[in-house]
């Protein structure tokens, strides 16, 4: 199944804005988690972005 992630993200923009305005601490925590997850470490960032063909 092919998913158009940029289109999906664009459709969620309004909902994300509501969360950001209603619960800024949640948005801040999520952003920190996303940054930590994508930092190079044992696995470099590019390797973390790879997906298996079945996804």
PDB file of N, CA and C in Angstrom:
ATOM      1  N   UNK A   1       0.840  -1.167   0.000  1.00  0.00           N
ATOM      2  CA  UNK A   1       0.000   0.000   0.000  1.00  0.00           C
ATOM      3  C   UNK A   1       0.897   1.246   0.000  1.00  0.00           C
ATOM      4  N   UNK A   2       0.680   2.115  -0.922  1.00  0.00           N
ATOM      5  CA  UNK A   2       1.449   3.359  -1.024  1.00  0.00           C
ATOM      6  C   UNK A   2       0.723   4.458  -0.263  1.00  0.00           C
ATOM      7  N   UNK A   3       1.480   5.170   0.537  1.00  0.00           N
ATOM      8  CA  UNK A   3       0.891   6.278   1.279  1.00  0.00           C
ATOM      9  C   UNK A   3       1.598   7.557   0.877  1.00  0.00           C
ATOM     10  N   UNK A   4       0.840   8.586   0.644  1.00  0.00           N
ATOM     11  CA  UNK A   4       1.397   9.887   0.299  1.00  0.00           C
ATOM     12  C   UNK A   4       1.549  10.674   1.599  1.00  0.00           C
ATOM     13  N   UNK A   5       2.695  10.486   2.257  1.00  0.00           N
ATOM     14  CA  UNK A   5       2.925  11.104   3.558  1.00  0.00           C
ATOM     15  C   UNK A   5       2.872  12.631   3.515  1.00  0.00           C
ATOM     16  N   UNK A   6       3.449  13.301   2.517  1.00  0.00           N
ATOM     17  CA  UNK A   6       3.325  14.767   2.491  1.00  0.00           C
ATOM     18  C   UNK A   6       1.865  15.229   2.424  1.00  0.00           C
ATOM     19  N   UNK A   7       1.052  14.536   1.649  1.00  0.00           N
ATOM     20  CA  UNK A   7      -0.360  14.895   1.555  1.00  0.00           C
ATOM     21  C   UNK A   7      -1.058  14.648   2.888  1.00  0.00           C
ATOM     22  N   UNK A   8      -0.751  13.528   3.526  1.00  0.00           N
ATOM     23  CA  UNK A   8      -1.345  13.200   4.814  1.00  0.00           C
ATOM     24  C   UNK A   8      -0.966  14.266   5.858  1.00  0.00           C
ATOM     25  N   UNK A   9       0.293  14.673   5.860  1.00  0.00           N
ATOM     26  CA  UNK A   9       0.752  15.703   6.801  1.00  0.00           C
ATOM     27  C   UNK A   9       0.034  17.026   6.545  1.00  0.00           C
ATOM     28  N   UNK A  10      -0.152  17.364   5.279  1.00  0.00           N
ATOM     29  CA  UNK A  10      -0.852  18.611   4.929  1.00  0.00           C
ATOM     30  C   UNK A  10      -2.292  18.579   5.431  1.00  0.00           C
ATOM     31  N   UNK A  11      -2.933  17.428   5.353  1.00  0.00           N
ATOM     32  CA  UNK A  11      -4.312  17.304   5.815  1.00  0.00           C
ATOM     33  C   UNK A  11      -4.418  17.418   7.333  1.00  0.00           C
ATOM     34  N   UNK A  12      -3.348  17.076   8.030  1.00  0.00           N
ATOM     35  CA  UNK A  12      -3.363  17.114   9.498  1.00  0.00           C
ATOM     36  C   UNK A  12      -2.950  18.469  10.074  1.00  0.00           C
ATOM     37  N   UNK A  13      -2.574  19.399   9.234  1.00  0.00           N
ATOM     38  CA  UNK A  13      -2.063  20.685   9.700  1.00  0.00           C
ATOM     39  C   UNK A  13      -3.014  21.368  10.673  1.00  0.00           C
ATOM     40  N   UNK A  14      -4.276  21.406  10.380  1.00  0.00           N
ATOM     41  CA  UNK A  14      -5.254  22.056  11.259  1.00  0.00           C
ATOM     42  C   UNK A  14      -5.330  21.391  12.621  1.00  0.00           C
ATOM     43  N   UNK A  15      -5.377  20.078  12.638  1.00  0.00           N
ATOM     44  CA  UNK A  15      -5.448  19.342  13.908  1.00  0.00           C
ATOM     45  C   UNK A  15      -4.178  19.539  14.720  1.00  0.00           C
ATOM     46  N   UNK A  16      -3.048  19.549  14.057  1.00  0.00           N
ATOM     47  CA  UNK A  16      -1.777  19.757  14.749  1.00  0.00           C
ATOM     48  C   UNK A  16      -1.735  21.153  15.363  1.00  0.00           C
ATOM     49  N   UNK A  17      -2.257  22.127  14.645  1.00  0.00           N
ATOM     50  CA  UNK A  17      -2.293  23.499  15.169  1.00  0.00           C
ATOM     51  C   UNK A  17      -3.160  23.568  16.420  1.00  0.00           C
ATOM     52  N   UNK A  18      -4.294  22.866  16.420  1.00  0.00           N
ATOM     53  CA  UNK A  18      -5.162  22.844  17.595  1.00  0.00           C
ATOM     54  C   UNK A  18      -4.445  22.257  18.802  1.00  0.00           C
ATOM     55  N   UNK A  19      -3.727  21.166  18.596  1.00  0.00           N
ATOM     56  CA  UNK A  19      -2.976  20.544  19.696  1.00  0.00           C
ATOM     57  C   UNK A  19      -1.896  21.498  20.192  1.00  0.00           C
ATOM     58  N   UNK A  20      -1.183  22.109  19.254  1.00  0.00           N
ATOM     59  CA  UNK A  20      -0.101  23.038  19.623  1.00  0.00           C
ATOM     60  C   UNK A  20      -0.633  24.201  20.458  1.00  0.00           C
ATOM     61  N   UNK A  21      -1.772  24.748  20.074  1.00  0.00           N
ATOM     62  CA  UNK A  21      -2.344  25.879  20.810  1.00  0.00           C
ATOM     63  C   UNK A  21      -2.992  25.438  22.127  1.00  0.00           C
ATOM     64  N   UNK A  22      -3.628  24.281  22.127  1.00  0.00           N
ATOM     65  CA  UNK A  22      -4.329  23.803  23.310  1.00  0.00           C
ATOM     66  C   UNK A  22      -3.438  23.151  24.350  1.00  0.00           C
ATOM     67  N   UNK A  23      -2.355  22.531  23.906  1.00  0.00           N
ATOM     68  CA  UNK A  23      -1.446  21.826  24.815  1.00  0.00           C
ATOM     69  C   UNK A  23      -0.007  22.036  24.367  1.00  0.00           C
ATOM     70  N   UNK A  24       0.513  23.240  24.538  1.00  0.00           N
ATOM     71  CA  UNK A  24       1.873  23.504  24.054  1.00  0.00           C
ATOM     72  C   UNK A  24       2.931  22.612  24.694  1.00  0.00           C
ATOM     73  N   UNK A  25       2.712  22.186  25.942  1.00  0.00           N
ATOM     74  CA  UNK A  25       3.694  21.321  26.592  1.00  0.00           C
ATOM     75  C   UNK A  25       3.755  19.947  25.923  1.00  0.00           C
ATOM     76  N   UNK A  26       2.638  19.476  25.413  1.00  0.00           N
ATOM     77  CA  UNK A  26       2.621  18.190  24.699  1.00  0.00           C
ATOM     78  C   UNK A  26       3.399  18.329  23.392  1.00  0.00           C
ATOM     79  N   UNK A  27       3.169  19.409  22.673  1.00  0.00           N
ATOM     80  CA  UNK A  27       3.867  19.642  21.415  1.00  0.00           C
ATOM     81  C   UNK A  27       5.367  19.771  21.646  1.00  0.00           C
ATOM     82  N   UNK A  28       5.759  20.484  22.689  1.00  0.00           N
ATOM     83  CA  UNK A  28       7.177  20.649  23.009  1.00  0.00           C
ATOM     84  C   UNK A  28       7.815  19.302  23.331  1.00  0.00           C
ATOM     85  N   UNK A  29       7.127  18.489  24.128  1.00  0.00           N
ATOM     86  CA  UNK A  29       7.660  17.169  24.495  1.00  0.00           C
ATOM     87  C   UNK A  29       7.760  16.259  23.277  1.00  0.00           C
ATOM     88  N   UNK A  30       6.744  16.288  22.424  1.00  0.00           N
ATOM     89  CA  UNK A  30       6.775  15.456  21.224  1.00  0.00           C
ATOM     90  C   UNK A  30       7.918  15.874  20.300  1.00  0.00           C
ATOM     91  N   UNK A  31       8.119  17.177  20.157  1.00  0.00           N
ATOM     92  CA  UNK A  31       9.204  17.664  19.313  1.00  0.00           C
ATOM     93  C   UNK A  31      10.559  17.234  19.855  1.00  0.00           C
ATOM     94  N   UNK A  32      10.720  17.288  21.168  1.00  0.00           N
ATOM     95  CA  UNK A  32      11.977  16.847  21.785  1.00  0.00           C
ATOM     96  C   UNK A  32      12.200  15.359  21.549  1.00  0.00           C
ATOM     97  N   UNK A  33      11.133  14.566  21.653  1.00  0.00           N
ATOM     98  CA  UNK A  33      11.246  13.130  21.420  1.00  0.00           C
ATOM     99  C   UNK A  33      11.617  12.850  19.956  1.00  0.00           C
ATOM    100  N   UNK A  34      10.992  13.567  19.034  1.00  0.00           N
ATOM    101  CA  UNK A  34      11.284  13.371  17.613  1.00  0.00           C
ATOM    102  C   UNK A  34      12.730  13.735  17.299  1.00  0.00           C
ATOM    103  N   UNK A  35      13.224  14.839  17.878  1.00  0.00           N
ATOM    104  CA  UNK A  35      14.630  15.225  17.661  1.00  0.00           C
ATOM    105  C   UNK A  35      15.568  14.156  18.210  1.00  0.00           C
ATOM    106  N   UNK A  36      15.283  13.655  19.409  1.00  0.00           N
ATOM    107  CA  UNK A  36      16.137  12.634  20.028  1.00  0.00           C
ATOM    108  C   UNK A  36      16.134  11.353  19.196  1.00  0.00           C
ATOM    109  N   UNK A  37      14.985  11.002  18.654  1.00  0.00           N
ATOM    110  CA  UNK A  37      14.881   9.766  17.875  1.00  0.00           C
ATOM    111  C   UNK A  37      15.628   9.845  16.554  1.00  0.00           C
ATOM    112  N   UNK A  38      15.775  11.046  16.003  1.00  0.00           N
ATOM    113  CA  UNK A  38      16.425  11.167  14.701  1.00  0.00           C
ATOM    114  C   UNK A  38      17.889  11.573  14.784  1.00  0.00           C
ATOM    115  N   UNK A  39      18.394  11.840  15.985  1.00  0.00           N
ATOM    116  CA  UNK A  39      19.811  12.166  16.118  1.00  0.00           C
ATOM    117  C   UNK A  39      20.659  10.942  15.772  1.00  0.00           C
ATOM    118  N   UNK A  40      21.801  11.209  15.166  1.00  0.00           N
ATOM    119  CA  UNK A  40      22.716  10.105  14.863  1.00  0.00           C
ATOM    120  C   UNK A  40      23.249   9.547  16.177  1.00  0.00           C
ATOM    121  N   UNK A  41      23.388   8.268  16.239  1.00  0.00           N
ATOM    122  CA  UNK A  41      23.904   7.580  17.418  1.00  0.00           C
ATOM    123  C   UNK A  41      24.424   6.240  16.940  1.00  0.00           C
ATOM    124  N   UNK A  42      23.917   5.172  17.546  1.00  0.00           N
ATOM    125  CA  UNK A  42      24.296   3.842  17.104  1.00  0.00           C
ATOM    126  C   UNK A  42      23.921   3.649  15.642  1.00  0.00           C
ATOM    127  N   UNK A  43      22.753   4.143  15.273  1.00  0.00           N
ATOM    128  CA  UNK A  43      22.319   4.132  13.875  1.00  0.00           C
ATOM    129  C   UNK A  43      22.321   5.569  13.367  1.00  0.00           C
ATOM    130  N   UNK A  44      22.826   5.771  12.164  1.00  0.00           N
ATOM    131  CA  UNK A  44      22.787   7.117  11.604  1.00  0.00           C
ATOM    132  C   UNK A  44      21.360   7.436  11.149  1.00  0.00           C
ATOM    133  N   UNK A  45      21.094   8.692  10.941  1.00  0.00           N
ATOM    134  CA  UNK A  45      19.743   9.149  10.602  1.00  0.00           C
ATOM    135  C   UNK A  45      19.214   8.473   9.348  1.00  0.00           C
ATOM    136  N   UNK A  46      20.031   8.330   8.324  1.00  0.00           N
ATOM    137  CA  UNK A  46      19.576   7.724   7.063  1.00  0.00           C
ATOM    138  C   UNK A  46      19.126   6.282   7.278  1.00  0.00           C
ATOM    139  N   UNK A  47      19.860   5.533   8.083  1.00  0.00           N
ATOM    140  CA  UNK A  47      19.492   4.144   8.360  1.00  0.00           C
ATOM    141  C   UNK A  47      18.142   4.085   9.066  1.00  0.00           C
ATOM    142  N   UNK A  48      17.894   5.009   9.989  1.00  0.00           N
ATOM    143  CA  UNK A  48      16.617   5.030  10.704  1.00  0.00           C
ATOM    144  C   UNK A  48      15.452   5.310   9.772  1.00  0.00           C
ATOM    145  N   UNK A  49      15.704   5.994   8.669  1.00  0.00           N
ATOM    146  CA  UNK A  49      14.631   6.329   7.728  1.00  0.00           C
ATOM    147  C   UNK A  49      14.285   5.194   6.772  1.00  0.00           C
ATOM    148  N   UNK A  50      15.111   4.171   6.719  1.00  0.00           N
ATOM    149  CA  UNK A  50      14.846   3.044   5.817  1.00  0.00           C
ATOM    150  C   UNK A  50      13.625   2.272   6.287  1.00  0.00           C
ATOM    151  N   UNK A  51      12.881   1.778   5.333  1.00  0.00           N
ATOM    152  CA  UNK A  51      11.691   0.976   5.643  1.00  0.00           C
ATOM    153  C   UNK A  51      11.806  -0.355   4.937  1.00  0.00           C
ATOM    154  N   UNK A  52      11.167  -1.353   5.483  1.00  0.00           N
ATOM    155  CA  UNK A  52      11.141  -2.636   4.798  1.00  0.00           C
ATOM    156  C   UNK A  52      10.172  -2.549   3.627  1.00  0.00           C
ATOM    157  N   UNK A  53      10.375  -3.361   2.580  1.00  0.00           N
ATOM    158  CA  UNK A  53       9.497  -3.307   1.399  1.00  0.00           C
ATOM    159  C   UNK A  53       8.031  -3.608   1.722  1.00  0.00           C
ATOM    160  N   UNK A  54       7.764  -4.310   2.822  1.00  0.00           N
ATOM    161  CA  UNK A  54       6.382  -4.677   3.145  1.00  0.00           C
ATOM    162  C   UNK A  54       5.605  -3.523   3.777  1.00  0.00           C
ATOM    163  N   UNK A  55       6.249  -2.427   4.117  1.00  0.00           N
ATOM    164  CA  UNK A  55       5.528  -1.317   4.760  1.00  0.00           C
ATOM    165  C   UNK A  55       4.900  -0.409   3.755  1.00  0.00           C
TER     166      UNK A  55
END
